[in-house]
Amino acid sequence: MNPNVLRRWIKEAQGGGAAVPVLLNPMSVDVQSAFVPLPLATVAARASSAAAADVRIEIQRNGATVSVMWPAGRLEDSVAWVREILR
């Protein structure tokens, strides 16, 4: 809860006229956990679109800039390339 809302409620209560909302004790609310299934087609579609994107790697060194567009699906290969460039 935002502290500003609580302060406003206290001011309204002290000034009279305005109704004070009832604050519930979170322990008194009956909460039950439940499994919520997610559609796998949506998750797979997002993963495939992310894999199709390219990642831009830009390295600046000694006044020179090297910029490379690297396939996101092959990022593990970029680690070796970056290490070799930075030697």
PDB file of N, CA and C in Angstrom:
ATOM      1  N   MET A   1       0.849  -1.169   0.000  1.00  0.00           N
ATOM      2  CA  MET A   1       0.000   0.000   0.000  1.00  0.00           C
ATOM      3  C   MET A   1       0.894   1.232   0.000  1.00  0.00           C
ATOM      4  N   ASN A   2       0.504   2.221  -0.739  1.00  0.00           N
ATOM      5  CA  ASN A   2       1.241   3.464  -0.821  1.00  0.00           C
ATOM      6  C   ASN A   2       1.046   4.259   0.472  1.00  0.00           C
ATOM      7  N   PRO A   3       2.123   4.720   1.115  1.00  0.00           N
ATOM      8  CA  PRO A   3       1.996   5.487   2.363  1.00  0.00           C
ATOM      9  C   PRO A   3       1.185   6.775   2.193  1.00  0.00           C
ATOM     10  N   ASN A   4       1.226   7.369   0.997  1.00  0.00           N
ATOM     11  CA  ASN A   4       0.462   8.600   0.772  1.00  0.00           C
ATOM     12  C   ASN A   4      -1.037   8.370   0.900  1.00  0.00           C
ATOM     13  N   VAL A   5      -1.497   7.221   0.484  1.00  0.00           N
ATOM     14  CA  VAL A   5      -2.926   6.903   0.598  1.00  0.00           C
ATOM     15  C   VAL A   5      -3.306   6.779   2.064  1.00  0.00           C
ATOM     16  N   LEU A   6      -2.466   6.124   2.828  1.00  0.00           N
ATOM     17  CA  LEU A   6      -2.738   5.960   4.260  1.00  0.00           C
ATOM     18  C   LEU A   6      -2.759   7.315   4.961  1.00  0.00           C
ATOM     19  N   ARG A   7      -1.815   8.190   4.628  1.00  0.00           N
ATOM     20  CA  ARG A   7      -1.792   9.532   5.230  1.00  0.00           C
ATOM     21  C   ARG A   7      -3.067  10.305   4.892  1.00  0.00           C
ATOM     22  N   ARG A   8      -3.507  10.195   3.638  1.00  0.00           N
ATOM     23  CA  ARG A   8      -4.728  10.890   3.243  1.00  0.00           C
ATOM     24  C   ARG A   8      -5.924  10.386   4.048  1.00  0.00           C
ATOM     25  N   TRP A   9      -5.990   9.075   4.243  1.00  0.00           N
ATOM     26  CA  TRP A   9      -7.088   8.504   5.009  1.00  0.00           C
ATOM     27  C   TRP A   9      -7.062   8.996   6.454  1.00  0.00           C
ATOM     28  N   ILE A  10      -5.869   9.103   7.015  1.00  0.00           N
ATOM     29  CA  ILE A  10      -5.761   9.576   8.406  1.00  0.00           C
ATOM     30  C   ILE A  10      -6.203  11.025   8.488  1.00  0.00           C
ATOM     31  N   LYS A  11      -5.769  11.874   7.542  1.00  0.00           N
ATOM     32  CA  LYS A  11      -6.182  13.275   7.531  1.00  0.00           C
ATOM     33  C   LYS A  11      -7.689  13.399   7.389  1.00  0.00           C
ATOM     34  N   GLU A  12      -8.282  12.599   6.503  1.00  0.00           N
ATOM     35  CA  GLU A  12      -9.729  12.643   6.323  1.00  0.00           C
ATOM     36  C   GLU A  12     -10.451  12.205   7.587  1.00  0.00           C
ATOM     37  N   ALA A  13      -9.898  11.222   8.277  1.00  0.00           N
ATOM     38  CA  ALA A  13     -10.528  10.734   9.505  1.00  0.00           C
ATOM     39  C   ALA A  13     -10.442  11.778  10.610  1.00  0.00           C
ATOM     40  N   GLN A  14      -9.325  12.490  10.703  1.00  0.00           N
ATOM     41  CA  GLN A  14      -9.162  13.510  11.738  1.00  0.00           C
ATOM     42  C   GLN A  14     -10.026  14.737  11.451  1.00  0.00           C
ATOM     43  N   GLY A  15     -10.238  15.019  10.187  1.00  0.00           N
ATOM     44  CA  GLY A  15     -11.048  16.181   9.816  1.00  0.00           C
ATOM     45  C   GLY A  15     -12.537  15.913   9.932  1.00  0.00           C
ATOM     46  N   GLY A  16     -12.904  14.666  10.147  1.00  0.00           N
ATOM     47  CA  GLY A  16     -14.319  14.316  10.214  1.00  0.00           C
ATOM     48  C   GLY A  16     -14.938  14.360   8.835  1.00  0.00           C
ATOM     49  N   GLY A  17     -16.175  14.093   8.712  1.00  0.00           N
ATOM     50  CA  GLY A  17     -16.887  14.206   7.453  1.00  0.00           C
ATOM     51  C   GLY A  17     -16.636  13.081   6.471  1.00  0.00           C
ATOM     52  N   ALA A  18     -15.404  12.662   6.288  1.00  0.00           N
ATOM     53  CA  ALA A  18     -15.089  11.622   5.311  1.00  0.00           C
ATOM     54  C   ALA A  18     -15.066  10.260   5.987  1.00  0.00           C
ATOM     55  N   ALA A  19     -15.503   9.278   5.267  1.00  0.00           N
ATOM     56  CA  ALA A  19     -15.516   7.914   5.799  1.00  0.00           C
ATOM     57  C   ALA A  19     -14.105   7.337   5.771  1.00  0.00           C
ATOM     58  N   VAL A  20     -13.771   6.574   6.791  1.00  0.00           N
ATOM     59  CA  VAL A  20     -12.463   5.930   6.878  1.00  0.00           C
ATOM     60  C   VAL A  20     -12.609   4.503   6.386  1.00  0.00           C
ATOM     61  N   PRO A  21     -11.831   4.097   5.398  1.00  0.00           N
ATOM     62  CA  PRO A  21     -11.931   2.720   4.914  1.00  0.00           C
ATOM     63  C   PRO A  21     -11.431   1.738   5.971  1.00  0.00           C
ATOM     64  N   VAL A  22     -11.972   0.556   5.941  1.00  0.00           N
ATOM     65  CA  VAL A  22     -11.576  -0.485   6.873  1.00  0.00           C
ATOM     66  C   VAL A  22     -10.375  -1.218   6.285  1.00  0.00           C
ATOM     67  N   LEU A  23      -9.296  -1.286   7.062  1.00  0.00           N
ATOM     68  CA  LEU A  23      -8.115  -2.013   6.620  1.00  0.00           C
ATOM     69  C   LEU A  23      -8.220  -3.456   7.083  1.00  0.00           C
ATOM     70  N   LEU A  24      -8.049  -4.376   6.175  1.00  0.00           N
ATOM     71  CA  LEU A  24      -8.135  -5.792   6.503  1.00  0.00           C
ATOM     72  C   LEU A  24      -6.786  -6.321   6.937  1.00  0.00           C
ATOM     73  N   ASN A  25      -6.823  -7.206   7.869  1.00  0.00           N
ATOM     74  CA  ASN A  25      -5.612  -7.912   8.276  1.00  0.00           C
ATOM     75  C   ASN A  25      -5.338  -8.965   7.211  1.00  0.00           C
ATOM     76  N   PRO A  26      -4.156  -8.939   6.556  1.00  0.00           N
ATOM     77  CA  PRO A  26      -3.890  -9.917   5.489  1.00  0.00           C
ATOM     78  C   PRO A  26      -3.975 -11.358   5.970  1.00  0.00           C
ATOM     79  N   MET A  27      -3.774 -11.577   7.245  1.00  0.00           N
ATOM     80  CA  MET A  27      -3.828 -12.941   7.768  1.00  0.00           C
ATOM     81  C   MET A  27      -5.267 -13.437   7.876  1.00  0.00           C
ATOM     82  N   SER A  28      -6.236 -12.516   7.867  1.00  0.00           N
ATOM     83  CA  SER A  28      -7.627 -12.936   8.009  1.00  0.00           C
ATOM     84  C   SER A  28      -8.277 -13.262   6.666  1.00  0.00           C
ATOM     85  N   VAL A  29      -7.598 -12.977   5.580  1.00  0.00           N
ATOM     86  CA  VAL A  29      -8.144 -13.255   4.262  1.00  0.00           C
ATOM     87  C   VAL A  29      -7.815 -14.685   3.875  1.00  0.00           C
ATOM     88  N   ASP A  30      -8.819 -15.416   3.415  1.00  0.00           N
ATOM     89  CA  ASP A  30      -8.618 -16.807   3.020  1.00  0.00           C
ATOM     90  C   ASP A  30      -8.027 -16.848   1.609  1.00  0.00           C
ATOM     91  N   VAL A  31      -6.788 -17.282   1.518  1.00  0.00           N
ATOM     92  CA  VAL A  31      -6.096 -17.340   0.228  1.00  0.00           C
ATOM     93  C   VAL A  31      -5.749 -18.792  -0.057  1.00  0.00           C
ATOM     94  N   GLN A  32      -6.087 -19.230  -1.243  1.00  0.00           N
ATOM     95  CA  GLN A  32      -5.755 -20.589  -1.645  1.00  0.00           C
ATOM     96  C   GLN A  32      -4.880 -20.522  -2.885  1.00  0.00           C
ATOM     97  N   SER A  33      -3.803 -21.289  -2.869  1.00  0.00           N
ATOM     98  CA  SER A  33      -2.956 -21.317  -4.055  1.00  0.00           C
ATOM     99  C   SER A  33      -3.591 -22.226  -5.095  1.00  0.00           C
ATOM    100  N   ALA A  34      -3.332 -21.909  -6.338  1.00  0.00           N
ATOM    101  CA  ALA A  34      -3.897 -22.698  -7.423  1.00  0.00           C
ATOM    102  C   ALA A  34      -2.904 -22.739  -8.577  1.00  0.00           C
ATOM    103  N   PHE A  35      -2.943 -23.808  -9.326  1.00  0.00           N
ATOM    104  CA  PHE A  35      -2.117 -23.942 -10.514  1.00  0.00           C
ATOM    105  C   PHE A  35      -2.807 -23.238 -11.667  1.00  0.00           C
ATOM    106  N   VAL A  36      -2.084 -22.365 -12.342  1.00  0.00           N
ATOM    107  CA  VAL A  36      -2.633 -21.653 -13.489  1.00  0.00           C
ATOM    108  C   VAL A  36      -1.848 -22.091 -14.719  1.00  0.00           C
ATOM    109  N   PRO A  37      -2.458 -22.869 -15.602  1.00  0.00           N
ATOM    110  CA  PRO A  37      -1.729 -23.334 -16.786  1.00  0.00           C
ATOM    111  C   PRO A  37      -1.509 -22.199 -17.788  1.00  0.00           C
ATOM    112  N   LEU A  38      -0.345 -22.180 -18.402  1.00  0.00           N
ATOM    113  CA  LEU A  38      -0.035 -21.204 -19.438  1.00  0.00           C
ATOM    114  C   LEU A  38      -0.017 -21.905 -20.786  1.00  0.00           C
ATOM    115  N   PRO A  39      -0.546 -21.261 -21.799  1.00  0.00           N
ATOM    116  CA  PRO A  39      -0.515 -21.889 -23.125  1.00  0.00           C
ATOM    117  C   PRO A  39       0.915 -21.948 -23.658  1.00  0.00           C
ATOM    118  N   LEU A  40       1.381 -23.141 -23.976  1.00  0.00           N
ATOM    119  CA  LEU A  40       2.750 -23.321 -24.433  1.00  0.00           C
ATOM    120  C   LEU A  40       2.976 -22.748 -25.821  1.00  0.00           C
ATOM    121  N   ALA A  41       1.948 -22.668 -26.630  1.00  0.00           N
ATOM    122  CA  ALA A  41       2.110 -22.115 -27.977  1.00  0.00           C
ATOM    123  C   ALA A  41       2.571 -20.668 -27.908  1.00  0.00           C
ATOM    124  N   THR A  42       2.038 -19.897 -26.977  1.00  0.00           N
ATOM    125  CA  THR A  42       2.429 -18.500 -26.827  1.00  0.00           C
ATOM    126  C   THR A  42       3.874 -18.396 -26.366  1.00  0.00           C
ATOM    127  N   VAL A  43       4.267 -19.207 -25.412  1.00  0.00           N
ATOM    128  CA  VAL A  43       5.638 -19.190 -24.913  1.00  0.00           C
ATOM    129  C   VAL A  43       6.604 -19.601 -26.010  1.00  0.00           C
ATOM    130  N   ALA A  44       6.262 -20.609 -26.771  1.00  0.00           N
ATOM    131  CA  ALA A  44       7.130 -21.069 -27.864  1.00  0.00           C
ATOM    132  C   ALA A  44       7.238 -20.016 -28.961  1.00  0.00           C
ATOM    133  N   ALA A  45       6.145 -19.326 -29.247  1.00  0.00           N
ATOM    134  CA  ALA A  45       6.173 -18.286 -30.278  1.00  0.00           C
ATOM    135  C   ALA A  45       7.077 -17.132 -29.863  1.00  0.00           C
ATOM    136  N   ARG A  46       7.026 -16.753 -28.591  1.00  0.00           N
ATOM    137  CA  ARG A  46       7.898 -15.679 -28.106  1.00  0.00           C
ATOM    138  C   ARG A  46       9.351 -16.106 -28.161  1.00  0.00           C
ATOM    139  N   ALA A  47       9.640 -17.337 -27.804  1.00  0.00           N
ATOM    140  CA  ALA A  47      11.014 -17.831 -27.817  1.00  0.00           C
ATOM    141  C   ALA A  47      11.567 -17.871 -29.232  1.00  0.00           C
ATOM    142  N   SER A  48      10.742 -18.288 -30.197  1.00  0.00           N
ATOM    143  CA  SER A  48      11.237 -18.362 -31.568  1.00  0.00           C
ATOM    144  C   SER A  48      11.435 -16.975 -32.166  1.00  0.00           C
ATOM    145  N   SER A  49      10.583 -16.004 -31.804  1.00  0.00           N
ATOM    146  CA  SER A  49      10.774 -14.647 -32.321  1.00  0.00           C
ATOM    147  C   SER A  49      11.995 -14.002 -31.688  1.00  0.00           C
ATOM    148  N   ALA A  50      12.273 -14.313 -30.423  1.00  0.00           N
ATOM    149  CA  ALA A  50      13.466 -13.782 -29.772  1.00  0.00           C
ATOM    150  C   ALA A  50      14.720 -14.398 -30.367  1.00  0.00           C
ATOM    151  N   ALA A  51      14.660 -15.681 -30.731  1.00  0.00           N
ATOM    152  CA  ALA A  51      15.813 -16.350 -31.315  1.00  0.00           C
ATOM    153  C   ALA A  51      16.108 -15.833 -32.716  1.00  0.00           C
ATOM    154  N   ALA A  52      15.080 -15.356 -33.414  1.00  0.00           N
ATOM    155  CA  ALA A  52      15.272 -14.866 -34.776  1.00  0.00           C
ATOM    156  C   ALA A  52      15.921 -13.482 -34.799  1.00  0.00           C
ATOM    157  N   ALA A  53      15.863 -12.755 -33.682  1.00  0.00           N
ATOM    158  CA  ALA A  53      16.408 -11.406 -33.626  1.00  0.00           C
ATOM    159  C   ALA A  53      17.932 -11.446 -33.549  1.00  0.00           C
ATOM    160  N   ASP A  54      18.543 -10.345 -33.960  1.00  0.00           N
ATOM    161  CA  ASP A  54      19.988 -10.211 -33.862  1.00  0.00           C
ATOM    162  C   ASP A  54      20.341  -9.348 -32.662  1.00  0.00           C
ATOM    163  N   VAL A  55      21.552  -9.553 -32.158  1.00  0.00           N
ATOM    164  CA  VAL A  55      22.063  -8.778 -31.044  1.00  0.00           C
ATOM    165  C   VAL A  55      23.215  -7.935 -31.571  1.00  0.00           C
ATOM    166  N   ARG A  56      23.206  -6.675 -31.228  1.00  0.00           N
ATOM    167  CA  ARG A  56      24.283  -5.782 -31.674  1.00  0.00           C
ATOM    168  C   ARG A  56      25.370  -5.773 -30.605  1.00  0.00           C
ATOM    169  N   ILE A  57      26.581  -6.112 -30.997  1.00  0.00           N
ATOM    170  CA  ILE A  57      27.741  -6.089 -30.107  1.00  0.00           C
ATOM    171  C   ILE A  57      28.642  -4.965 -30.585  1.00  0.00           C
ATOM    172  N   GLU A  58      28.913  -4.038 -29.702  1.00  0.00           N
ATOM    173  CA  GLU A  58      29.761  -2.897 -30.051  1.00  0.00           C
ATOM    174  C   GLU A  58      30.923  -2.826 -29.064  1.00  0.00           C
ATOM    175  N   ILE A  59      32.139  -2.809 -29.598  1.00  0.00           N
ATOM    176  CA  ILE A  59      33.344  -2.765 -28.767  1.00  0.00           C
ATOM    177  C   ILE A  59      34.136  -1.524 -29.171  1.00  0.00           C
ATOM    178  N   GLN A  60      34.486  -0.708 -28.180  1.00  0.00           N
ATOM    179  CA  GLN A  60      35.313   0.467 -28.421  1.00  0.00           C
ATOM    180  C   GLN A  60      36.660   0.244 -27.753  1.00  0.00           C
ATOM    181  N   ARG A  61      37.718   0.429 -28.559  1.00  0.00           N
ATOM    182  CA  ARG A  61      39.063   0.202 -28.022  1.00  0.00           C
ATOM    183  C   ARG A  61      40.066   1.011 -28.829  1.00  0.00           C
ATOM    184  N   ASN A  62      40.940   1.719 -28.120  1.00  0.00           N
ATOM    185  CA  ASN A  62      42.007   2.510 -28.740  1.00  0.00           C
ATOM    186  C   ASN A  62      41.476   3.448 -29.821  1.00  0.00           C
ATOM    187  N   GLY A  63      40.359   4.085 -29.561  1.00  0.00           N
ATOM    188  CA  GLY A  63      39.802   5.045 -30.501  1.00  0.00           C
ATOM    189  C   GLY A  63      39.052   4.440 -31.674  1.00  0.00           C
ATOM    190  N   ALA A  64      39.003   3.135 -31.757  1.00  0.00           N
ATOM    191  CA  ALA A  64      38.289   2.457 -32.845  1.00  0.00           C
ATOM    192  C   ALA A  64      37.044   1.769 -32.282  1.00  0.00           C
ATOM    193  N   THR A  65      36.006   1.703 -33.117  1.00  0.00           N
ATOM    194  CA  THR A  65      34.763   1.047 -32.719  1.00  0.00           C
ATOM    195  C   THR A  65      34.465  -0.075 -33.702  1.00  0.00           C
ATOM    196  N   VAL A  66      34.187  -1.251 -33.150  1.00  0.00           N
ATOM    197  CA  VAL A  66      33.787  -2.392 -33.955  1.00  0.00           C
ATOM    198  C   VAL A  66      32.352  -2.723 -33.566  1.00  0.00           C
ATOM    199  N   SER A  67      31.470  -2.780 -34.559  1.00  0.00           N
ATOM    200  CA  SER A  67      30.068  -3.084 -34.316  1.00  0.00           C
ATOM    201  C   SER A  67      29.668  -4.284 -35.167  1.00  0.00           C
ATOM    202  N   VAL A  68      29.081  -5.287 -34.526  1.00  0.00           N
ATOM    203  CA  VAL A  68      28.716  -6.522 -35.209  1.00  0.00           C
ATOM    204  C   VAL A  68      27.282  -6.884 -34.840  1.00  0.00           C
ATOM    205  N   MET A  69      26.508  -7.310 -35.826  1.00  0.00           N
ATOM    206  CA  MET A  69      25.182  -7.854 -35.562  1.00  0.00           C
ATOM    207  C   MET A  69      25.335  -9.374 -35.460  1.00  0.00           C
ATOM    208  N   TRP A  70      25.031  -9.919 -34.277  1.00  0.00           N
ATOM    209  CA  TRP A  70      25.239 -11.338 -34.021  1.00  0.00           C
ATOM    210  C   TRP A  70      23.879 -12.017 -33.874  1.00  0.00           C
ATOM    211  N   PRO A  71      23.707 -13.207 -34.462  1.00  0.00           N
ATOM    212  CA  PRO A  71      22.424 -13.913 -34.305  1.00  0.00           C
ATOM    213  C   PRO A  71      22.177 -14.281 -32.840  1.00  0.00           C
ATOM    214  N   ALA A  72      20.991 -13.953 -32.330  1.00  0.00           N
ATOM    215  CA  ALA A  72      20.677 -14.208 -30.930  1.00  0.00           C
ATOM    216  C   ALA A  72      20.726 -15.693 -30.601  1.00  0.00           C
ATOM    217  N   GLY A  73      20.445 -16.536 -31.555  1.00  0.00           N
ATOM    218  CA  GLY A  73      20.479 -17.973 -31.310  1.00  0.00           C
ATOM    219  C   GLY A  73      21.893 -18.527 -31.150  1.00  0.00           C
ATOM    220  N   ARG A  74      22.906 -17.730 -31.475  1.00  0.00           N
ATOM    221  CA  ARG A  74      24.299 -18.182 -31.399  1.00  0.00           C
ATOM    222  C   ARG A  74      25.122 -17.320 -30.443  1.00  0.00           C
ATOM    223  N   LEU A  75      24.509 -16.773 -29.411  1.00  0.00           N
ATOM    224  CA  LEU A  75      25.220 -15.888 -28.496  1.00  0.00           C
ATOM    225  C   LEU A  75      26.386 -16.567 -27.785  1.00  0.00           C
ATOM    226  N   GLU A  76      26.268 -17.864 -27.541  1.00  0.00           N
ATOM    227  CA  GLU A  76      27.376 -18.548 -26.860  1.00  0.00           C
ATOM    228  C   GLU A  76      28.653 -18.500 -27.696  1.00  0.00           C
ATOM    229  N   ASP A  77      28.533 -18.441 -29.018  1.00  0.00           N
ATOM    230  CA  ASP A  77      29.705 -18.328 -29.880  1.00  0.00           C
ATOM    231  C   ASP A  77      30.322 -16.931 -29.822  1.00  0.00           C
ATOM    232  N   SER A  78      29.509 -15.941 -29.500  1.00  0.00           N
ATOM    233  CA  SER A  78      30.019 -14.570 -29.448  1.00  0.00           C
ATOM    234  C   SER A  78      31.001 -14.371 -28.306  1.00  0.00           C
ATOM    235  N   VAL A  79      30.888 -15.164 -27.251  1.00  0.00           N
ATOM    236  CA  VAL A  79      31.784 -15.029 -26.106  1.00  0.00           C
ATOM    237  C   VAL A  79      33.233 -15.265 -26.535  1.00  0.00           C
ATOM    238  N   ALA A  80      33.474 -16.311 -27.276  1.00  0.00           N
ATOM    239  CA  ALA A  80      34.829 -16.604 -27.749  1.00  0.00           C
ATOM    240  C   ALA A  80      35.330 -15.503 -28.679  1.00  0.00           C
ATOM    241  N   TRP A  81      34.453 -14.987 -29.518  1.00  0.00           N
ATOM    242  CA  TRP A  81      34.847 -13.927 -30.444  1.00  0.00           C
ATOM    243  C   TRP A  81      35.238 -12.657 -29.703  1.00  0.00           C
ATOM    244  N   VAL A  82      34.430 -12.281 -28.705  1.00  0.00           N
ATOM    245  CA  VAL A  82      34.719 -11.070 -27.920  1.00  0.00           C
ATOM    246  C   VAL A  82      36.027 -11.239 -27.156  1.00  0.00           C
ATOM    247  N   ARG A  83      36.237 -12.406 -26.577  1.00  0.00           N
ATOM    248  CA  ARG A  83      37.508 -12.656 -25.872  1.00  0.00           C
ATOM    249  C   ARG A  83      38.701 -12.496 -26.796  1.00  0.00           C
ATOM    250  N   GLU A  84      38.567 -13.002 -28.012  1.00  0.00           N
ATOM    251  CA  GLU A  84      39.668 -12.918 -28.987  1.00  0.00           C
ATOM    252  C   GLU A  84      39.924 -11.473 -29.394  1.00  0.00           C
ATOM    253  N   ILE A  85      38.888 -10.699 -29.582  1.00  0.00           N
ATOM    254  CA  ILE A  85      39.032  -9.291 -29.960  1.00  0.00           C
ATOM    255  C   ILE A  85      39.695  -8.488 -28.841  1.00  0.00           C
ATOM    256  N   LEU A  86      39.351  -8.776 -27.598  1.00  0.00           N
ATOM    257  CA  LEU A  86      39.852  -7.995 -26.466  1.00  0.00           C
ATOM    258  C   LEU A  86      41.243  -8.399 -25.991  1.00  0.00           C
ATOM    259  N   ARG A  87      41.850  -9.383 -26.613  1.00  0.00           N
ATOM    260  CA  ARG A  87      43.219  -9.776 -26.215  1.00  0.00           C
ATOM    261  C   ARG A  87      44.197  -8.725 -26.524  1.00  0.00           C
TER     262      ARG A  87
END
